[in-house]
Amino acid sequence: MAINSQKIGHVLQNFVTTTADVQGSALVTPDGLPLASSLPGGMDDERVSAMSAAMLSLGERIGKELARGDIDRIYVEGSEGFSILTKCGEEAVFIVLAGKAAKQGVLMLEIKRALSELKLLVM
């Protein structure tokens, strides 16, 4: 089944515009190739995709070495907000950029909802 980047882009844009304090999102392959994105201006989707693949690879190594099992989610928190990488099946990684004011519980619920839509589009 071919991946429909336009439909994925619509889901990402809807997620960004309807979820409080979310600044951007992207769906990338585990290899670091962008499938679709809705990122803030000035952010390069290819660069974000490549960095996300590197973080995922390192996270998987850490999970293995520290006997934590398969990695489902990676958080990176900084002074201006945080990035969350979540597996979207075996074929993709969902990246969310959120501001520091984001309520993490609500955000996790919204990520779960978006993942259910995205998984249907990448399987």
N, C-alpha and C. Protein backbone atom coordinates (compact mmCIF):
# COMPACT_ATOMS: atom_id res chain seq x y z
N MET A 1 0.84 -1.18 0.00
CA MET A 1 0.00 0.00 0.00
C MET A 1 0.89 1.25 0.00
N ALA A 2 0.61 2.17 -0.87
CA ALA A 2 1.38 3.41 -0.96
C ALA A 2 0.98 4.36 0.17
N ILE A 3 1.96 5.08 0.65
CA ILE A 3 1.71 6.05 1.72
C ILE A 3 1.21 7.34 1.09
N ASN A 4 0.10 7.85 1.60
CA ASN A 4 -0.49 9.08 1.07
C ASN A 4 0.00 10.26 1.91
N SER A 5 1.05 10.92 1.43
CA SER A 5 1.66 12.03 2.18
C SER A 5 0.70 13.20 2.37
N GLN A 6 -0.20 13.39 1.42
CA GLN A 6 -1.16 14.50 1.54
C GLN A 6 -2.12 14.27 2.71
N LYS A 7 -2.63 13.05 2.84
CA LYS A 7 -3.52 12.74 3.96
C LYS A 7 -2.78 12.82 5.30
N ILE A 8 -1.55 12.31 5.31
CA ILE A 8 -0.74 12.38 6.53
C ILE A 8 -0.50 13.84 6.90
N GLY A 9 -0.17 14.66 5.91
CA GLY A 9 0.03 16.09 6.15
C GLY A 9 -1.19 16.75 6.74
N HIS A 10 -2.38 16.35 6.27
CA HIS A 10 -3.63 16.91 6.80
C HIS A 10 -3.80 16.53 8.28
N VAL A 11 -3.52 15.28 8.62
CA VAL A 11 -3.62 14.83 10.02
C VAL A 11 -2.64 15.61 10.89
N LEU A 12 -1.41 15.80 10.40
CA LEU A 12 -0.40 16.53 11.17
C LEU A 12 -0.81 17.99 11.36
N GLN A 13 -1.27 18.63 10.30
CA GLN A 13 -1.69 20.03 10.39
C GLN A 13 -2.86 20.19 11.36
N ASN A 14 -3.81 19.27 11.30
CA ASN A 14 -4.95 19.29 12.21
C ASN A 14 -4.48 19.12 13.65
N PHE A 15 -3.54 18.21 13.87
CA PHE A 15 -2.99 17.99 15.21
C PHE A 15 -2.35 19.26 15.76
N VAL A 16 -1.55 19.91 14.94
CA VAL A 16 -0.84 21.13 15.37
C VAL A 16 -1.83 22.26 15.67
N THR A 17 -2.83 22.43 14.84
CA THR A 17 -3.75 23.57 15.02
C THR A 17 -4.79 23.35 16.12
N THR A 18 -5.07 22.08 16.46
CA THR A 18 -6.12 21.84 17.45
C THR A 18 -5.60 21.41 18.82
N THR A 19 -4.29 21.19 18.95
CA THR A 19 -3.73 20.74 20.23
C THR A 19 -2.98 21.90 20.88
N ALA A 20 -3.38 22.24 22.10
CA ALA A 20 -2.81 23.38 22.80
C ALA A 20 -1.30 23.25 22.97
N ASP A 21 -0.60 24.35 22.69
CA ASP A 21 0.84 24.48 22.90
C ASP A 21 1.70 23.57 22.02
N VAL A 22 1.13 22.98 20.98
CA VAL A 22 1.93 22.21 20.03
C VAL A 22 2.39 23.17 18.94
N GLN A 23 3.67 23.15 18.68
CA GLN A 23 4.27 24.07 17.71
C GLN A 23 4.55 23.41 16.36
N GLY A 24 4.63 22.09 16.34
CA GLY A 24 4.91 21.41 15.09
C GLY A 24 4.85 19.91 15.26
N SER A 25 4.77 19.20 14.12
CA SER A 25 4.79 17.75 14.15
C SER A 25 5.29 17.25 12.79
N ALA A 26 5.75 16.01 12.80
CA ALA A 26 6.24 15.39 11.57
C ALA A 26 6.11 13.88 11.70
N LEU A 27 6.04 13.24 10.55
CA LEU A 27 6.07 11.79 10.49
C LEU A 27 7.25 11.43 9.60
N VAL A 28 8.17 10.62 10.13
CA VAL A 28 9.39 10.28 9.42
C VAL A 28 9.60 8.78 9.45
N THR A 29 10.44 8.30 8.54
CA THR A 29 10.79 6.88 8.56
C THR A 29 11.87 6.66 9.62
N PRO A 30 12.01 5.43 10.09
CA PRO A 30 13.09 5.15 11.05
C PRO A 30 14.48 5.42 10.47
N ASP A 31 14.58 5.47 9.15
CA ASP A 31 15.85 5.78 8.47
C ASP A 31 16.13 7.28 8.43
N GLY A 32 15.14 8.10 8.79
CA GLY A 32 15.35 9.55 8.79
C GLY A 32 14.86 10.27 7.56
N LEU A 33 13.94 9.67 6.82
CA LEU A 33 13.36 10.33 5.65
C LEU A 33 12.00 10.91 6.01
N PRO A 34 11.74 12.17 5.63
CA PRO A 34 10.45 12.78 5.96
C PRO A 34 9.32 12.18 5.12
N LEU A 35 8.20 11.87 5.77
CA LEU A 35 7.00 11.43 5.06
C LEU A 35 6.05 12.62 4.89
N ALA A 36 5.91 13.41 5.95
CA ALA A 36 5.08 14.63 5.92
C ALA A 36 5.41 15.41 7.18
N SER A 37 5.17 16.73 7.12
CA SER A 37 5.45 17.54 8.30
C SER A 37 4.58 18.78 8.35
N SER A 38 4.44 19.29 9.54
CA SER A 38 3.80 20.58 9.81
C SER A 38 4.68 21.24 10.87
N LEU A 39 5.79 21.79 10.42
CA LEU A 39 6.80 22.34 11.33
C LEU A 39 6.79 23.86 11.30
N PRO A 40 7.31 24.48 12.37
CA PRO A 40 7.40 25.94 12.40
C PRO A 40 8.28 26.45 11.26
N GLY A 41 8.02 27.66 10.81
CA GLY A 41 8.81 28.26 9.75
C GLY A 41 10.29 28.26 10.08
N GLY A 42 11.10 28.01 9.09
CA GLY A 42 12.54 27.99 9.29
C GLY A 42 13.10 26.65 9.71
N MET A 43 12.24 25.69 10.05
CA MET A 43 12.71 24.36 10.42
C MET A 43 12.71 23.48 9.17
N ASP A 44 13.84 22.85 8.91
CA ASP A 44 14.00 22.00 7.74
C ASP A 44 13.52 20.59 8.06
N ASP A 45 12.52 20.10 7.33
CA ASP A 45 11.97 18.78 7.64
C ASP A 45 12.98 17.65 7.43
N GLU A 46 13.90 17.81 6.48
CA GLU A 46 14.91 16.78 6.28
C GLU A 46 15.89 16.73 7.45
N ARG A 47 16.24 17.88 7.97
CA ARG A 47 17.15 17.93 9.12
C ARG A 47 16.47 17.36 10.37
N VAL A 48 15.21 17.75 10.60
CA VAL A 48 14.45 17.23 11.73
C VAL A 48 14.33 15.71 11.62
N SER A 49 14.06 15.22 10.43
CA SER A 49 13.93 13.77 10.21
C SER A 49 15.22 13.04 10.51
N ALA A 50 16.33 13.57 10.04
CA ALA A 50 17.63 12.93 10.26
C ALA A 50 17.99 12.91 11.75
N MET A 51 17.77 14.04 12.43
CA MET A 51 18.07 14.09 13.87
C MET A 51 17.17 13.14 14.64
N SER A 52 15.93 13.03 14.24
CA SER A 52 14.99 12.13 14.92
C SER A 52 15.42 10.68 14.76
N ALA A 53 15.87 10.32 13.57
CA ALA A 53 16.36 8.95 13.36
C ALA A 53 17.57 8.67 14.24
N ALA A 54 18.46 9.65 14.37
CA ALA A 54 19.63 9.46 15.23
C ALA A 54 19.21 9.28 16.69
N MET A 55 18.23 10.10 17.14
CA MET A 55 17.75 9.97 18.53
C MET A 55 17.09 8.61 18.74
N LEU A 56 16.30 8.17 17.76
CA LEU A 56 15.64 6.88 17.88
C LEU A 56 16.65 5.74 17.96
N SER A 57 17.66 5.81 17.12
CA SER A 57 18.70 4.78 17.12
C SER A 57 19.42 4.73 18.46
N LEU A 58 19.79 5.89 18.98
CA LEU A 58 20.45 5.94 20.27
C LEU A 58 19.52 5.47 21.39
N GLY A 59 18.26 5.88 21.34
CA GLY A 59 17.29 5.45 22.34
C GLY A 59 17.12 3.94 22.36
N GLU A 60 17.09 3.34 21.17
CA GLU A 60 16.96 1.89 21.09
C GLU A 60 18.19 1.19 21.68
N ARG A 61 19.37 1.74 21.43
CA ARG A 61 20.59 1.17 22.01
C ARG A 61 20.58 1.29 23.53
N ILE A 62 20.14 2.44 24.03
CA ILE A 62 20.06 2.64 25.48
C ILE A 62 19.06 1.67 26.09
N GLY A 63 17.89 1.53 25.46
CA GLY A 63 16.88 0.59 25.95
C GLY A 63 17.41 -0.82 26.03
N LYS A 64 18.18 -1.21 25.04
CA LYS A 64 18.75 -2.57 25.01
C LYS A 64 19.83 -2.72 26.09
N GLU A 65 20.76 -1.78 26.15
CA GLU A 65 21.88 -1.86 27.10
C GLU A 65 21.41 -1.77 28.55
N LEU A 66 20.36 -1.02 28.81
CA LEU A 66 19.86 -0.87 30.18
C LEU A 66 18.69 -1.80 30.49
N ALA A 67 18.47 -2.76 29.59
CA ALA A 67 17.42 -3.77 29.77
C ALA A 67 16.05 -3.14 30.01
N ARG A 68 15.71 -2.14 29.20
CA ARG A 68 14.41 -1.48 29.31
C ARG A 68 13.43 -1.97 28.25
N GLY A 69 13.87 -2.85 27.38
CA GLY A 69 12.99 -3.39 26.34
C GLY A 69 12.86 -2.44 25.16
N ASP A 70 11.82 -2.70 24.35
CA ASP A 70 11.59 -1.87 23.17
C ASP A 70 11.19 -0.46 23.58
N ILE A 71 11.71 0.51 22.87
CA ILE A 71 11.42 1.92 23.16
C ILE A 71 10.14 2.32 22.43
N ASP A 72 9.19 2.88 23.15
CA ASP A 72 7.95 3.39 22.55
C ASP A 72 8.00 4.89 22.35
N ARG A 73 8.69 5.59 23.25
CA ARG A 73 8.65 7.05 23.24
C ARG A 73 9.96 7.60 23.78
N ILE A 74 10.40 8.72 23.20
CA ILE A 74 11.59 9.41 23.67
C ILE A 74 11.22 10.87 23.90
N TYR A 75 11.59 11.40 25.07
CA TYR A 75 11.34 12.81 25.41
C TYR A 75 12.67 13.55 25.44
N VAL A 76 12.66 14.76 24.91
CA VAL A 76 13.80 15.65 25.05
C VAL A 76 13.22 16.96 25.57
N GLU A 77 13.60 17.34 26.79
CA GLU A 77 13.05 18.56 27.40
C GLU A 77 14.14 19.62 27.47
N GLY A 78 13.78 20.81 27.03
CA GLY A 78 14.69 21.94 27.07
C GLY A 78 14.02 23.14 27.72
N SER A 79 14.74 24.24 27.79
CA SER A 79 14.21 25.43 28.46
C SER A 79 13.03 26.05 27.72
N GLU A 80 12.88 25.79 26.45
CA GLU A 80 11.79 26.38 25.65
C GLU A 80 10.66 25.40 25.33
N GLY A 81 10.78 24.18 25.80
CA GLY A 81 9.74 23.19 25.52
C GLY A 81 10.34 21.82 25.35
N PHE A 82 9.61 20.96 24.70
CA PHE A 82 10.11 19.61 24.55
C PHE A 82 9.70 18.99 23.23
N SER A 83 10.44 17.93 22.88
CA SER A 83 10.18 17.12 21.69
C SER A 83 9.84 15.72 22.16
N ILE A 84 8.87 15.13 21.50
CA ILE A 84 8.46 13.77 21.84
C ILE A 84 8.49 12.96 20.55
N LEU A 85 9.21 11.86 20.56
CA LEU A 85 9.24 10.93 19.44
C LEU A 85 8.50 9.68 19.87
N THR A 86 7.51 9.28 19.08
CA THR A 86 6.71 8.11 19.40
C THR A 86 6.66 7.19 18.19
N LYS A 87 6.86 5.90 18.40
CA LYS A 87 6.74 4.95 17.30
C LYS A 87 5.33 4.97 16.73
N CYS A 88 5.26 4.88 15.43
CA CYS A 88 3.98 4.80 14.72
C CYS A 88 4.04 3.54 13.88
N GLY A 89 3.85 2.40 14.52
CA GLY A 89 4.04 1.13 13.85
C GLY A 89 5.52 0.87 13.63
N GLU A 90 5.81 0.01 12.67
CA GLU A 90 7.21 -0.31 12.36
C GLU A 90 7.77 0.59 11.27
N GLU A 91 6.89 1.34 10.60
CA GLU A 91 7.29 2.07 9.41
C GLU A 91 7.52 3.57 9.62
N ALA A 92 7.19 4.09 10.81
CA ALA A 92 7.27 5.54 10.97
C ALA A 92 7.46 5.94 12.43
N VAL A 93 7.89 7.18 12.59
CA VAL A 93 8.06 7.80 13.91
C VAL A 93 7.33 9.14 13.88
N PHE A 94 6.50 9.38 14.89
CA PHE A 94 5.72 10.62 15.02
C PHE A 94 6.49 11.56 15.94
N ILE A 95 6.78 12.75 15.44
CA ILE A 95 7.53 13.75 16.20
C ILE A 95 6.60 14.89 16.55
N VAL A 96 6.63 15.30 17.81
CA VAL A 96 5.81 16.42 18.28
C VAL A 96 6.72 17.43 18.96
N LEU A 97 6.59 18.69 18.58
CA LEU A 97 7.30 19.79 19.23
C LEU A 97 6.28 20.59 20.01
N ALA A 98 6.49 20.70 21.32
CA ALA A 98 5.53 21.39 22.18
C ALA A 98 6.22 22.44 23.03
N GLY A 99 5.49 23.49 23.35
CA GLY A 99 6.01 24.55 24.21
C GLY A 99 6.05 24.10 25.66
N LYS A 100 6.78 24.87 26.47
CA LYS A 100 6.94 24.48 27.87
C LYS A 100 5.64 24.55 28.67
N ALA A 101 4.63 25.26 28.16
CA ALA A 101 3.35 25.37 28.87
C ALA A 101 2.41 24.20 28.58
N ALA A 102 2.78 23.31 27.67
CA ALA A 102 1.91 22.19 27.32
C ALA A 102 1.66 21.30 28.52
N LYS A 103 0.42 20.89 28.67
CA LYS A 103 0.05 19.96 29.74
C LYS A 103 0.30 18.54 29.21
N GLN A 104 1.26 17.87 29.82
CA GLN A 104 1.74 16.61 29.28
C GLN A 104 0.68 15.51 29.25
N GLY A 105 -0.18 15.45 30.24
CA GLY A 105 -1.23 14.43 30.24
C GLY A 105 -2.18 14.59 29.06
N VAL A 106 -2.63 15.80 28.84
CA VAL A 106 -3.52 16.09 27.72
C VAL A 106 -2.79 15.83 26.40
N LEU A 107 -1.54 16.26 26.33
CA LEU A 107 -0.75 16.07 25.12
C LEU A 107 -0.59 14.59 24.79
N MET A 108 -0.34 13.75 25.80
CA MET A 108 -0.19 12.31 25.57
C MET A 108 -1.48 11.71 25.02
N LEU A 109 -2.62 12.17 25.52
CA LEU A 109 -3.91 11.69 24.99
C LEU A 109 -4.08 12.10 23.54
N GLU A 110 -3.72 13.33 23.21
CA GLU A 110 -3.84 13.81 21.83
C GLU A 110 -2.86 13.09 20.91
N ILE A 111 -1.66 12.79 21.39
CA ILE A 111 -0.70 12.02 20.60
C ILE A 111 -1.26 10.64 20.31
N LYS A 112 -1.85 10.01 21.31
CA LYS A 112 -2.44 8.68 21.14
C LYS A 112 -3.55 8.71 20.09
N ARG A 113 -4.38 9.76 20.12
CA ARG A 113 -5.45 9.90 19.14
C ARG A 113 -4.89 10.07 17.74
N ALA A 114 -3.90 10.94 17.60
CA ALA A 114 -3.28 11.18 16.29
C ALA A 114 -2.59 9.92 15.78
N LEU A 115 -1.95 9.18 16.66
CA LEU A 115 -1.28 7.94 16.26
C LEU A 115 -2.27 6.93 15.67
N SER A 116 -3.46 6.86 16.26
CA SER A 116 -4.45 5.90 15.74
C SER A 116 -4.83 6.27 14.29
N GLU A 117 -4.91 7.56 13.99
CA GLU A 117 -5.19 7.99 12.61
C GLU A 117 -4.00 7.73 11.70
N LEU A 118 -2.82 8.08 12.17
CA LEU A 118 -1.61 7.96 11.34
C LEU A 118 -1.28 6.50 11.02
N LYS A 119 -1.46 5.61 12.00
CA LYS A 119 -1.15 4.21 11.77
C LYS A 119 -1.98 3.63 10.62
N LEU A 120 -3.20 4.09 10.48
CA LEU A 120 -4.05 3.62 9.38
C LEU A 120 -3.50 4.07 8.02
N LEU A 121 -2.79 5.18 8.02
CA LEU A 121 -2.27 5.73 6.76
C LEU A 121 -0.90 5.20 6.37
N VAL A 122 -0.19 4.57 7.32
CA VAL A 122 1.15 4.06 7.00
C VAL A 122 1.22 2.53 6.95
N MET A 123 0.14 1.86 7.22
CA MET A 123 0.16 0.40 7.18
C MET A 123 -0.14 -0.10 5.78
